[in-house]
Full PDB file with SEQRES, HELIX, SHEET, SSBOND, CRYST1, ORIGX, SCALE, CONECT and MASTER records, all heavy atoms in Angstrom:
SEQRES   1 A   40  ASP ALA LEU ILE LYS PRO ILE LYS VAL GLU ALA GLU GLY          
SEQRES   2 A   40  PHE LEU ARG GLU LYS THR TRP THR LYS TYR ILE CYS THR          
SEQRES   3 A   40  GLU ASP VAL LYS THR GLY ASP ASP SER LEU GLU GLN TRP          
SEQRES   4 A   40  GLU                                                          
HELIX    1 AA1 THR A   26  THR A   31  1                                   6    
CRYST1    1.000    1.000    1.000  90.00  90.00  90.00 P 1           1          
ORIGX1      1.000000  0.000000  0.000000        0.00000                         
ORIGX2      0.000000  1.000000  0.000000        0.00000                         
ORIGX3      0.000000  0.000000  1.000000        0.00000                         
SCALE1      1.000000  0.000000  0.000000        0.00000                         
SCALE2      0.000000  1.000000  0.000000        0.00000                         
SCALE3      0.000000  0.000000  1.000000        0.00000                         
ATOM      1  N   ASP A   1      37.959 -23.532  -1.381  1.00  0.00           N  
ATOM      2  CA  ASP A   1      36.765 -23.112  -0.613  1.00  0.00           C  
ATOM      3  C   ASP A   1      36.012 -22.170  -1.490  1.00  0.00           C  
ATOM      4  O   ASP A   1      36.533 -21.472  -2.431  1.00  0.00           O  
ATOM      5  CB  ASP A   1      37.180 -22.307   0.646  1.00  0.00           C  
ATOM      6  CG  ASP A   1      36.061 -22.177   1.627  1.00  0.00           C  
ATOM      7  OD1 ASP A   1      34.976 -22.805   1.437  1.00  0.00           O  
ATOM      8  OD2 ASP A   1      36.110 -21.327   2.524  1.00  0.00           O  
ATOM      9  N   ALA A   2      34.674 -22.247  -1.417  1.00  0.00           N  
ATOM     10  CA  ALA A   2      33.831 -21.346  -2.159  1.00  0.00           C  
ATOM     11  C   ALA A   2      32.731 -20.829  -1.240  1.00  0.00           C  
ATOM     12  O   ALA A   2      32.312 -21.493  -0.312  1.00  0.00           O  
ATOM     13  CB  ALA A   2      33.164 -22.135  -3.316  1.00  0.00           C  
ATOM     14  N   LEU A   3      32.329 -19.636  -1.550  1.00  0.00           N  
ATOM     15  CA  LEU A   3      31.341 -18.956  -0.626  1.00  0.00           C  
ATOM     16  C   LEU A   3      30.328 -18.202  -1.543  1.00  0.00           C  
ATOM     17  O   LEU A   3      30.797 -17.477  -2.439  1.00  0.00           O  
ATOM     18  CB  LEU A   3      32.060 -17.950   0.241  1.00  0.00           C  
ATOM     19  CG  LEU A   3      31.310 -17.539   1.562  1.00  0.00           C  
ATOM     20  CD1 LEU A   3      30.872 -18.591   2.418  1.00  0.00           C  
ATOM     21  CD2 LEU A   3      32.242 -16.641   2.391  1.00  0.00           C  
ATOM     22  N   ILE A   4      29.049 -18.360  -1.279  1.00  0.00           N  
ATOM     23  CA  ILE A   4      27.963 -17.635  -1.961  1.00  0.00           C  
ATOM     24  C   ILE A   4      27.314 -16.752  -0.938  1.00  0.00           C  
ATOM     25  O   ILE A   4      26.732 -17.285   0.076  1.00  0.00           O  
ATOM     26  CB  ILE A   4      27.019 -18.544  -2.612  1.00  0.00           C  
ATOM     27  CG1 ILE A   4      27.680 -19.422  -3.684  1.00  0.00           C  
ATOM     28  CG2 ILE A   4      25.848 -17.710  -3.309  1.00  0.00           C  
ATOM     29  CD1 ILE A   4      26.788 -20.469  -4.219  1.00  0.00           C  
ATOM     30  N   LYS A   5      27.441 -15.435  -1.052  1.00  0.00           N  
ATOM     31  CA  LYS A   5      26.858 -14.579   0.007  1.00  0.00           C  
ATOM     32  C   LYS A   5      25.894 -13.485  -0.715  1.00  0.00           C  
ATOM     33  O   LYS A   5      26.331 -12.911  -1.725  1.00  0.00           O  
ATOM     34  CB  LYS A   5      27.973 -13.887   0.709  1.00  0.00           C  
ATOM     35  CG  LYS A   5      27.547 -13.087   1.965  1.00  0.00           C  
ATOM     36  CD  LYS A   5      28.749 -12.633   2.689  1.00  0.00           C  
ATOM     37  CE  LYS A   5      28.290 -11.881   4.009  1.00  0.00           C  
ATOM     38  NZ  LYS A   5      29.402 -11.408   4.783  1.00  0.00           N  
ATOM     39  N   PRO A   6      24.678 -13.434  -0.212  1.00  0.00           N  
ATOM     40  CA  PRO A   6      23.741 -12.427  -0.867  1.00  0.00           C  
ATOM     41  C   PRO A   6      23.950 -11.020  -0.319  1.00  0.00           C  
ATOM     42  O   PRO A   6      24.423 -10.803   0.806  1.00  0.00           O  
ATOM     43  CB  PRO A   6      22.355 -13.036  -0.452  1.00  0.00           C  
ATOM     44  CG  PRO A   6      22.622 -13.705   0.908  1.00  0.00           C  
ATOM     45  CD  PRO A   6      24.047 -14.168   0.819  1.00  0.00           C  
ATOM     46  N   ILE A   7      23.634 -10.110  -1.213  1.00  0.00           N  
ATOM     47  CA  ILE A   7      23.585  -8.616  -0.707  1.00  0.00           C  
ATOM     48  C   ILE A   7      22.363  -8.104  -1.365  1.00  0.00           C  
ATOM     49  O   ILE A   7      21.985  -8.394  -2.537  1.00  0.00           O  
ATOM     50  CB  ILE A   7      24.875  -7.930  -1.200  1.00  0.00           C  
ATOM     51  CG1 ILE A   7      24.866  -6.466  -0.622  1.00  0.00           C  
ATOM     52  CG2 ILE A   7      24.977  -7.941  -2.724  1.00  0.00           C  
ATOM     53  CD1 ILE A   7      26.106  -5.721  -0.807  1.00  0.00           C  
ATOM     54  N   LYS A   8      21.731  -7.233  -0.586  1.00  0.00           N  
ATOM     55  CA  LYS A   8      20.408  -6.594  -1.054  1.00  0.00           C  
ATOM     56  C   LYS A   8      20.909  -5.271  -1.882  1.00  0.00           C  
ATOM     57  O   LYS A   8      21.589  -4.423  -1.313  1.00  0.00           O  
ATOM     58  CB  LYS A   8      19.641  -6.171   0.099  1.00  0.00           C  
ATOM     59  CG  LYS A   8      18.283  -5.566  -0.214  1.00  0.00           C  
ATOM     60  CD  LYS A   8      17.415  -5.227   0.953  1.00  0.00           C  
ATOM     61  CE  LYS A   8      16.158  -4.616   0.576  1.00  0.00           C  
ATOM     62  NZ  LYS A   8      15.343  -4.173   1.673  1.00  0.00           N  
ATOM     63  N   VAL A   9      20.381  -5.274  -3.061  1.00  0.00           N  
ATOM     64  CA  VAL A   9      20.656  -4.147  -3.917  1.00  0.00           C  
ATOM     65  C   VAL A   9      19.377  -3.309  -4.026  1.00  0.00           C  
ATOM     66  O   VAL A   9      18.326  -3.779  -4.394  1.00  0.00           O  
ATOM     67  CB  VAL A   9      21.082  -4.539  -5.396  1.00  0.00           C  
ATOM     68  CG1 VAL A   9      21.296  -3.289  -6.198  1.00  0.00           C  
ATOM     69  CG2 VAL A   9      22.342  -5.384  -5.310  1.00  0.00           C  
ATOM     70  N   GLU A  10      19.490  -2.072  -3.568  1.00  0.00           N  
ATOM     71  CA  GLU A  10      18.311  -1.152  -3.588  1.00  0.00           C  
ATOM     72  C   GLU A  10      18.388  -0.160  -4.798  1.00  0.00           C  
ATOM     73  O   GLU A  10      19.469  -0.003  -5.296  1.00  0.00           O  
ATOM     74  CB  GLU A  10      18.309  -0.339  -2.256  1.00  0.00           C  
ATOM     75  CG  GLU A  10      18.130  -1.171  -1.015  1.00  0.00           C  
ATOM     76  CD  GLU A  10      18.221  -0.332   0.207  1.00  0.00           C  
ATOM     77  OE1 GLU A  10      18.847   0.694   0.212  1.00  0.00           O  
ATOM     78  OE2 GLU A  10      17.722  -0.825   1.291  1.00  0.00           O  
ATOM     79  N   ALA A  11      17.233   0.424  -5.109  1.00  0.00           N  
ATOM     80  CA  ALA A  11      17.213   1.414  -6.148  1.00  0.00           C  
ATOM     81  C   ALA A  11      17.919   2.713  -5.742  1.00  0.00           C  
ATOM     82  O   ALA A  11      17.865   3.085  -4.605  1.00  0.00           O  
ATOM     83  CB  ALA A  11      15.731   1.680  -6.533  1.00  0.00           C  
ATOM     84  N   GLU A  12      18.526   3.306  -6.648  1.00  0.00           N  
ATOM     85  CA  GLU A  12      19.181   4.547  -6.417  1.00  0.00           C  
ATOM     86  C   GLU A  12      18.012   5.606  -6.181  1.00  0.00           C  
ATOM     87  O   GLU A  12      16.878   5.408  -6.518  1.00  0.00           O  
ATOM     88  CB  GLU A  12      20.077   4.978  -7.537  1.00  0.00           C  
ATOM     89  CG  GLU A  12      19.437   5.122  -8.907  1.00  0.00           C  
ATOM     90  CD  GLU A  12      19.284   3.816  -9.710  1.00  0.00           C  
ATOM     91  OE1 GLU A  12      19.322   2.732  -9.107  1.00  0.00           O  
ATOM     92  OE2 GLU A  12      19.129   3.914 -10.905  1.00  0.00           O  
ATOM     93  N   GLY A  13      18.496   6.694  -5.602  1.00  0.00           N  
ATOM     94  CA  GLY A  13      17.482   7.762  -5.323  1.00  0.00           C  
ATOM     95  C   GLY A  13      16.922   7.733  -3.918  1.00  0.00           C  
ATOM     96  O   GLY A  13      17.412   7.041  -3.060  1.00  0.00           O  
ATOM     97  N   PHE A  14      15.820   8.489  -3.699  1.00  0.00           N  
ATOM     98  CA  PHE A  14      15.225   8.570  -2.343  1.00  0.00           C  
ATOM     99  C   PHE A  14      13.843   7.972  -2.387  1.00  0.00           C  
ATOM    100  O   PHE A  14      13.043   8.182  -3.272  1.00  0.00           O  
ATOM    101  CB  PHE A  14      15.226  10.024  -1.868  1.00  0.00           C  
ATOM    102  CG  PHE A  14      16.578  10.669  -1.729  1.00  0.00           C  
ATOM    103  CD1 PHE A  14      17.032  11.424  -2.731  1.00  0.00           C  
ATOM    104  CD2 PHE A  14      17.383  10.356  -0.641  1.00  0.00           C  
ATOM    105  CE1 PHE A  14      18.326  12.011  -2.648  1.00  0.00           C  
ATOM    106  CE2 PHE A  14      18.576  10.933  -0.484  1.00  0.00           C  
ATOM    107  CZ  PHE A  14      19.111  11.759  -1.507  1.00  0.00           C  
ATOM    108  N   LEU A  15      13.494   7.239  -1.300  1.00  0.00           N  
ATOM    109  CA  LEU A  15      12.247   6.594  -1.168  1.00  0.00           C  
ATOM    110  C   LEU A  15      11.091   7.687  -0.998  1.00  0.00           C  
ATOM    111  O   LEU A  15      11.251   8.573  -0.136  1.00  0.00           O  
ATOM    112  CB  LEU A  15      12.265   5.629  -0.028  1.00  0.00           C  
ATOM    113  CG  LEU A  15      10.891   4.881   0.257  1.00  0.00           C  
ATOM    114  CD1 LEU A  15      10.486   3.967  -0.936  1.00  0.00           C  
ATOM    115  CD2 LEU A  15      11.035   4.068   1.518  1.00  0.00           C  
ATOM    116  N   ARG A  16      10.056   7.658  -1.736  1.00  0.00           N  
ATOM    117  CA  ARG A  16       8.891   8.465  -1.550  1.00  0.00           C  
ATOM    118  C   ARG A  16       7.675   7.601  -1.581  1.00  0.00           C  
ATOM    119  O   ARG A  16       7.500   6.726  -2.462  1.00  0.00           O  
ATOM    120  CB  ARG A  16       8.767   9.514  -2.669  1.00  0.00           C  
ATOM    121  CG  ARG A  16       9.978  10.455  -2.536  1.00  0.00           C  
ATOM    122  CD  ARG A  16       9.763  11.613  -3.534  1.00  0.00           C  
ATOM    123  NE  ARG A  16       8.374  12.237  -3.356  1.00  0.00           N  
ATOM    124  CZ  ARG A  16       8.118  13.259  -4.105  1.00  0.00           C  
ATOM    125  NH1 ARG A  16       8.859  13.780  -5.015  1.00  0.00           N  
ATOM    126  NH2 ARG A  16       6.857  13.724  -3.978  1.00  0.00           N  
ATOM    127  N   GLU A  17       6.769   7.812  -0.618  1.00  0.00           N  
ATOM    128  CA  GLU A  17       5.512   7.037  -0.508  1.00  0.00           C  
ATOM    129  C   GLU A  17       4.313   7.947  -0.509  1.00  0.00           C  
ATOM    130  O   GLU A  17       4.357   9.093  -0.033  1.00  0.00           O  
ATOM    131  CB  GLU A  17       5.500   6.296   0.820  1.00  0.00           C  
ATOM    132  CG  GLU A  17       6.523   5.182   0.850  1.00  0.00           C  
ATOM    133  CD  GLU A  17       6.344   4.248   2.090  1.00  0.00           C  
ATOM    134  OE1 GLU A  17       5.445   4.642   2.894  1.00  0.00           O  
ATOM    135  OE2 GLU A  17       7.045   3.287   2.333  1.00  0.00           O  
ATOM    136  N   LYS A  18       3.219   7.414  -1.000  1.00  0.00           N  
ATOM    137  CA  LYS A  18       1.914   8.054  -0.925  1.00  0.00           C  
ATOM    138  C   LYS A  18       0.981   7.045  -0.306  1.00  0.00           C  
ATOM    139  O   LYS A  18       0.914   5.871  -0.747  1.00  0.00           O  
ATOM    140  CB  LYS A  18       1.367   8.523  -2.283  1.00  0.00           C  
ATOM    141  CG  LYS A  18       2.154   9.666  -2.880  1.00  0.00           C  
ATOM    142  CD  LYS A  18       1.445  10.174  -4.069  1.00  0.00           C  
ATOM    143  CE  LYS A  18       2.195  11.402  -4.599  1.00  0.00           C  
ATOM    144  NZ  LYS A  18       1.531  11.986  -5.736  1.00  0.00           N  
ATOM    145  N   THR A  19       0.207   7.494   0.697  1.00  0.00           N  
ATOM    146  CA  THR A  19      -0.699   6.641   1.400  1.00  0.00           C  
ATOM    147  C   THR A  19      -2.057   7.125   1.394  1.00  0.00           C  
ATOM    148  O   THR A  19      -2.322   8.352   1.636  1.00  0.00           O  
ATOM    149  CB  THR A  19      -0.207   6.447   2.855  1.00  0.00           C  
ATOM    150  OG1 THR A  19       1.174   6.001   2.860  1.00  0.00           O  
ATOM    151  CG2 THR A  19      -1.042   5.367   3.599  1.00  0.00           C  
ATOM    152  N   TRP A  20      -3.041   6.302   1.111  1.00  0.00           N  
ATOM    153  CA  TRP A  20      -4.448   6.646   1.244  1.00  0.00           C  
ATOM    154  C   TRP A  20      -5.055   5.707   2.184  1.00  0.00           C  
ATOM    155  O   TRP A  20      -4.792   4.533   2.130  1.00  0.00           O  
ATOM    156  CB  TRP A  20      -5.180   6.549  -0.196  1.00  0.00           C  
ATOM    157  CG  TRP A  20      -4.629   7.503  -1.234  1.00  0.00           C  
ATOM    158  CD1 TRP A  20      -5.003   8.730  -1.415  1.00  0.00           C  
ATOM    159  CD2 TRP A  20      -3.716   7.322  -2.223  1.00  0.00           C  
ATOM    160  NE1 TRP A  20      -4.392   9.363  -2.384  1.00  0.00           N  
ATOM    161  CE2 TRP A  20      -3.588   8.406  -2.928  1.00  0.00           C  
ATOM    162  CE3 TRP A  20      -2.913   6.111  -2.534  1.00  0.00           C  
ATOM    163  CZ2 TRP A  20      -2.632   8.541  -4.041  1.00  0.00           C  
ATOM    164  CZ3 TRP A  20      -2.042   6.292  -3.572  1.00  0.00           C  
ATOM    165  CH2 TRP A  20      -1.933   7.420  -4.324  1.00  0.00           C  
ATOM    166  N   THR A  21      -6.005   6.200   3.027  1.00  0.00           N  
ATOM    167  CA  THR A  21      -6.727   5.320   3.927  1.00  0.00           C  
ATOM    168  C   THR A  21      -8.174   5.566   3.762  1.00  0.00           C  
ATOM    169  O   THR A  21      -8.674   6.702   3.430  1.00  0.00           O  
ATOM    170  CB  THR A  21      -6.294   5.538   5.382  1.00  0.00           C  
ATOM    171  OG1 THR A  21      -6.554   6.906   5.782  1.00  0.00           O  
ATOM    172  CG2 THR A  21      -4.822   5.234   5.609  1.00  0.00           C  
ATOM    173  N   LYS A  22      -8.990   4.577   4.122  1.00  0.00           N  
ATOM    174  CA  LYS A  22     -10.461   4.722   4.068  1.00  0.00           C  
ATOM    175  C   LYS A  22     -11.036   3.844   5.081  1.00  0.00           C  
ATOM    176  O   LYS A  22     -10.781   2.604   5.083  1.00  0.00           O  
ATOM    177  CB  LYS A  22     -10.937   4.413   2.688  1.00  0.00           C  
ATOM    178  CG  LYS A  22     -12.454   4.270   2.457  1.00  0.00           C  
ATOM    179  CD  LYS A  22     -13.112   5.620   2.423  1.00  0.00           C  
ATOM    180  CE  LYS A  22     -14.519   5.504   2.132  1.00  0.00           C  
ATOM    181  NZ  LYS A  22     -15.303   6.677   2.261  1.00  0.00           N  
ATOM    182  N   TYR A  23     -11.898   4.303   5.965  1.00  0.00           N  
ATOM    183  CA  TYR A  23     -12.560   3.567   6.886  1.00  0.00           C  
ATOM    184  C   TYR A  23     -13.970   3.215   6.320  1.00  0.00           C  
ATOM    185  O   TYR A  23     -14.687   4.215   5.897  1.00  0.00           O  
ATOM    186  CB  TYR A  23     -12.787   4.306   8.226  1.00  0.00           C  
ATOM    187  CG  TYR A  23     -13.731   3.592   9.148  1.00  0.00           C  
ATOM    188  CD1 TYR A  23     -13.321   2.499   9.860  1.00  0.00           C  
ATOM    189  CD2 TYR A  23     -15.092   4.042   9.387  1.00  0.00           C  
ATOM    190  CE1 TYR A  23     -14.178   1.815  10.734  1.00  0.00           C  
ATOM    191  CE2 TYR A  23     -15.864   3.423  10.241  1.00  0.00           C  
ATOM    192  CZ  TYR A  23     -15.488   2.246  10.878  1.00  0.00           C  
ATOM    193  OH  TYR A  23     -16.378   1.661  11.727  1.00  0.00           O  
ATOM    194  N   ILE A  24     -14.332   1.954   6.163  1.00  0.00           N  
ATOM    195  CA  ILE A  24     -15.498   1.559   5.501  1.00  0.00           C  
ATOM    196  C   ILE A  24     -16.275   0.714   6.532  1.00  0.00           C  
ATOM    197  O   ILE A  24     -15.835  -0.190   7.146  1.00  0.00           O  
ATOM    198  CB  ILE A  24     -15.260   0.695   4.246  1.00  0.00           C  
ATOM    199  CG1 ILE A  24     -14.444   1.462   3.277  1.00  0.00           C  
ATOM    200  CG2 ILE A  24     -16.531   0.229   3.646  1.00  0.00           C  
ATOM    201  CD1 ILE A  24     -13.937   0.683   2.051  1.00  0.00           C  
ATOM    202  N   CYS A  25     -17.507   1.263   6.783  1.00  0.00           N  
ATOM    203  CA  CYS A  25     -18.486   0.428   7.596  1.00  0.00           C  
ATOM    204  C   CYS A  25     -19.535  -0.129   6.619  1.00  0.00           C  
ATOM    205  O   CYS A  25     -20.243   0.563   5.884  1.00  0.00           O  
ATOM    206  CB  CYS A  25     -19.194   1.385   8.618  1.00  0.00           C  
ATOM    207  SG  CYS A  25     -20.321   0.516   9.681  1.00  0.00           S  
ATOM    208  N   THR A  26     -19.640  -1.444   6.712  1.00  0.00           N  
ATOM    209  CA  THR A  26     -20.540  -2.163   5.750  1.00  0.00           C  
ATOM    210  C   THR A  26     -21.984  -1.747   5.978  1.00  0.00           C  
ATOM    211  O   THR A  26     -22.765  -1.661   4.985  1.00  0.00           O  
ATOM    212  CB  THR A  26     -20.348  -3.684   5.888  1.00  0.00           C  
ATOM    213  OG1 THR A  26     -20.666  -4.031   7.283  1.00  0.00           O  
ATOM    214  CG2 THR A  26     -19.026  -4.199   5.465  1.00  0.00           C  
ATOM    215  N   GLU A  27     -22.348  -1.386   7.166  1.00  0.00           N  
ATOM    216  CA  GLU A  27     -23.720  -0.922   7.418  1.00  0.00           C  
ATOM    217  C   GLU A  27     -23.976   0.368   6.697  1.00  0.00           C  
ATOM    218  O   GLU A  27     -25.076   0.599   6.175  1.00  0.00           O  
ATOM    219  CB  GLU A  27     -24.015  -0.777   8.908  1.00  0.00           C  
ATOM    220  CG  GLU A  27     -24.025  -2.146   9.663  1.00  0.00           C  
ATOM    221  CD  GLU A  27     -25.099  -3.088   9.163  1.00  0.00           C  
ATOM    222  OE1 GLU A  27     -26.184  -2.667   8.856  1.00  0.00           O  
ATOM    223  OE2 GLU A  27     -24.770  -4.310   9.069  1.00  0.00           O  
ATOM    224  N   ASP A  28     -22.996   1.359   6.748  1.00  0.00           N  
ATOM    225  CA  ASP A  28     -23.141   2.608   6.211  1.00  0.00           C  
ATOM    226  C   ASP A  28     -23.224   2.508   4.624  1.00  0.00           C  
ATOM    227  O   ASP A  28     -23.906   3.291   3.910  1.00  0.00           O  
ATOM    228  CB  ASP A  28     -22.078   3.547   6.479  1.00  0.00           C  
ATOM    229  CG  ASP A  28     -22.106   4.016   7.906  1.00  0.00           C  
ATOM    230  OD1 ASP A  28     -23.198   3.799   8.523  1.00  0.00           O  
ATOM    231  OD2 ASP A  28     -21.074   4.491   8.440  1.00  0.00           O  
ATOM    232  N   VAL A  29     -22.502   1.489   4.058  1.00  0.00           N  
ATOM    233  CA  VAL A  29     -22.547   1.294   2.550  1.00  0.00           C  
ATOM    234  C   VAL A  29     -23.904   0.755   2.151  1.00  0.00           C  
ATOM    235  O   VAL A  29     -24.500   1.133   1.131  1.00  0.00           O  
ATOM    236  CB  VAL A  29     -21.398   0.303   2.202  1.00  0.00           C  
ATOM    237  CG1 VAL A  29     -21.552  -0.094   0.699  1.00  0.00           C  
ATOM    238  CG2 VAL A  29     -20.028   0.929   2.403  1.00  0.00           C  
ATOM    239  N   LYS A  30     -24.460  -0.148   3.023  1.00  0.00           N  
ATOM    240  CA  LYS A  30     -25.732  -0.757   2.780  1.00  0.00           C  
ATOM    241  C   LYS A  30     -26.868   0.273   2.787  1.00  0.00           C  
ATOM    242  O   LYS A  30     -27.724   0.304   1.895  1.00  0.00           O  
ATOM    243  CB  LYS A  30     -26.132  -1.853   3.778  1.00  0.00           C  
ATOM    244  CG  LYS A  30     -25.406  -3.153   3.597  1.00  0.00           C  
ATOM    245  CD  LYS A  30     -25.832  -4.171   4.607  1.00  0.00           C  
ATOM    246  CE  LYS A  30     -25.018  -5.423   4.577  1.00  0.00           C  
ATOM    247  NZ  LYS A  30     -25.265  -6.296   5.645  1.00  0.00           N  
ATOM    248  N   THR A  31     -26.829   1.240   3.705  1.00  0.00           N  
ATOM    249  CA  THR A  31     -27.889   2.233   3.891  1.00  0.00           C  
ATOM    250  C   THR A  31     -27.610   3.439   2.901  1.00  0.00           C  
ATOM    251  O   THR A  31     -28.524   4.336   2.737  1.00  0.00           O  
ATOM    252  CB  THR A  31     -27.897   2.829   5.262  1.00  0.00           C  
ATOM    253  OG1 THR A  31     -26.621   3.439   5.623  1.00  0.00           O  
ATOM    254  CG2 THR A  31     -28.252   1.711   6.309  1.00  0.00           C  
ATOM    255  N   GLY A  32     -26.528   3.531   2.268  1.00  0.00           N  
ATOM    256  CA  GLY A  32     -26.261   4.581   1.360  1.00  0.00           C  
ATOM    257  C   GLY A  32     -25.565   5.854   2.022  1.00  0.00           C  
ATOM    258  O   GLY A  32     -25.392   6.907   1.404  1.00  0.00           O  
ATOM    259  N   ASP A  33     -25.273   5.781   3.412  1.00  0.00           N  
ATOM    260  CA  ASP A  33     -24.651   6.852   4.053  1.00  0.00           C  
ATOM    261  C   ASP A  33     -23.104   7.000   3.713  1.00  0.00           C  
ATOM    262  O   ASP A  33     -22.578   8.080   3.853  1.00  0.00           O  
ATOM    263  CB  ASP A  33     -24.725   6.723   5.546  1.00  0.00           C  
ATOM    264  CG  ASP A  33     -26.178   6.872   6.030  1.00  0.00           C  
ATOM    265  OD1 ASP A  33     -26.975   7.535   5.349  1.00  0.00           O  
ATOM    266  OD2 ASP A  33     -26.534   6.277   7.116  1.00  0.00           O  
ATOM    267  N   ASP A  34     -22.580   5.898   3.074  1.00  0.00           N  
ATOM    268  CA  ASP A  34     -21.172   5.949   2.651  1.00  0.00           C  
ATOM    269  C   ASP A  34     -21.094   5.111   1.373  1.00  0.00           C  
ATOM    270  O   ASP A  34     -22.003   4.319   1.080  1.00  0.00           O  
ATOM    271  CB  ASP A  34     -20.299   5.317   3.739  1.00  0.00           C  
ATOM    272  CG  ASP A  34     -18.745   5.597   3.483  1.00  0.00           C  
ATOM    273  OD1 ASP A  34     -18.402   6.297   2.602  1.00  0.00           O  
ATOM    274  OD2 ASP A  34     -17.992   5.121   4.321  1.00  0.00           O  
ATOM    275  N   SER A  35     -20.028   5.379   0.614  1.00  0.00           N  
ATOM    276  CA  SER A  35     -19.853   4.571  -0.601  1.00  0.00           C  
ATOM    277  C   SER A  35     -18.410   4.115  -0.762  1.00  0.00           C  
ATOM    278  O   SER A  35     -17.552   4.711  -0.037  1.00  0.00           O  
ATOM    279  CB  SER A  35     -20.226   5.439  -1.818  1.00  0.00           C  
ATOM    280  OG  SER A  35     -19.376   6.538  -1.889  1.00  0.00           O  
ATOM    281  N   LEU A  36     -18.216   3.153  -1.565  1.00  0.00           N  
ATOM    282  CA  LEU A  36     -16.843   2.676  -1.842  1.00  0.00           C  
ATOM    283  C   LEU A  36     -16.077   3.744  -2.641  1.00  0.00           C  
ATOM    284  O   LEU A  36     -16.694   4.447  -3.331  1.00  0.00           O  
ATOM    285  CB  LEU A  36     -16.853   1.369  -2.538  1.00  0.00           C  
ATOM    286  CG  LEU A  36     -17.554   0.181  -1.791  1.00  0.00           C  
ATOM    287  CD1 LEU A  36     -17.493  -1.077  -2.656  1.00  0.00           C  
ATOM    288  CD2 LEU A  36     -16.796  -0.033  -0.431  1.00  0.00           C  
ATOM    289  N   GLU A  37     -14.819   3.831  -2.467  1.00  0.00           N  
ATOM    290  CA  GLU A  37     -14.047   4.824  -3.122  1.00  0.00           C  
ATOM    291  C   GLU A  37     -13.038   4.129  -4.092  1.00  0.00           C  
ATOM    292  O   GLU A  37     -12.532   3.085  -3.797  1.00  0.00           O  
ATOM    293  CB  GLU A  37     -13.301   5.661  -2.104  1.00  0.00           C  
ATOM    294  CG  GLU A  37     -12.727   6.896  -2.521  1.00  0.00           C  
ATOM    295  CD  GLU A  37     -12.266   7.768  -1.400  1.00  0.00           C  
ATOM    296  OE1 GLU A  37     -12.904   7.783  -0.315  1.00  0.00           O  
ATOM    297  OE2 GLU A  37     -11.215   8.419  -1.580  1.00  0.00           O  
ATOM    298  N   GLN A  38     -12.738   4.786  -5.200  1.00  0.00           N  
ATOM    299  CA  GLN A  38     -11.725   4.292  -6.086  1.00  0.00           C  
ATOM    300  C   GLN A  38     -10.522   5.271  -6.159  1.00  0.00           C  
ATOM    301  O   GLN A  38     -10.770   6.492  -6.106  1.00  0.00           O  
ATOM    302  CB  GLN A  38     -12.300   4.211  -7.493  1.00  0.00           C  
ATOM    303  CG  GLN A  38     -13.337   3.106  -7.674  1.00  0.00           C  
ATOM    304  CD  GLN A  38     -13.774   3.023  -9.108  1.00  0.00           C  
ATOM    305  OE1 GLN A  38     -13.260   3.669  -9.973  1.00  0.00           O  
ATOM    306  NE2 GLN A  38     -14.756   2.089  -9.349  1.00  0.00           N  
ATOM    307  N   TRP A  39      -9.298   4.661  -6.184  1.00  0.00           N  
ATOM    308  CA  TRP A  39      -8.126   5.492  -6.247  1.00  0.00           C  
ATOM    309  C   TRP A  39      -7.422   5.057  -7.526  1.00  0.00           C  
ATOM    310  O   TRP A  39      -7.279   3.856  -7.842  1.00  0.00           O  
ATOM    311  CB  TRP A  39      -7.204   5.280  -5.050  1.00  0.00           C  
ATOM    312  CG  TRP A  39      -7.690   5.851  -3.816  1.00  0.00           C  
ATOM    313  CD1 TRP A  39      -8.088   7.054  -3.594  1.00  0.00           C  
ATOM    314  CD2 TRP A  39      -7.929   5.060  -2.594  1.00  0.00           C  
ATOM    315  NE1 TRP A  39      -8.548   7.251  -2.280  1.00  0.00           N  
ATOM    316  CE2 TRP A  39      -8.444   6.047  -1.673  1.00  0.00           C  
ATOM    317  CE3 TRP A  39      -7.711   3.774  -2.173  1.00  0.00           C  
ATOM    318  CZ2 TRP A  39      -8.784   5.668  -0.341  1.00  0.00           C  
ATOM    319  CZ3 TRP A  39      -8.059   3.446  -0.841  1.00  0.00           C  
ATOM    320  CH2 TRP A  39      -8.537   4.403  -0.035  1.00  0.00           C  
ATOM    321  N   GLU A  40      -6.887   6.065  -8.287  1.00  0.00           N  
ATOM    322  CA  GLU A  40      -5.998   5.708  -9.521  1.00  0.00           C  
ATOM    323  C   GLU A  40      -4.624   5.837  -9.080  1.00  0.00           C  
ATOM    324  O   GLU A  40      -4.192   6.979  -8.725  1.00  0.00           O  
ATOM    325  CB  GLU A  40      -6.483   6.600 -10.631  1.00  0.00           C  
ATOM    326  CG  GLU A  40      -5.867   6.203 -11.892  1.00  0.00           C  
ATOM    327  CD  GLU A  40      -6.371   7.089 -13.082  1.00  0.00           C  
ATOM    328  OE1 GLU A  40      -7.559   7.341 -13.067  1.00  0.00           O  
ATOM    329  OE2 GLU A  40      -5.548   7.296 -13.951  1.00  0.00           O  
TER     330      GLU A  40                                                      
MASTER        0    0    0    1    0    0    0    6  329    1    0    4          
END                                                                             
């Protein structure tokens, strides 16, 4: 008998997340009241 079973290997350490959100209204971008934003 043979068996192949998967296991999920995770990275060591603790999970840390950074989240950025932006609400964009296309009408505000067209009129210049809002602009697109860049994140590095």
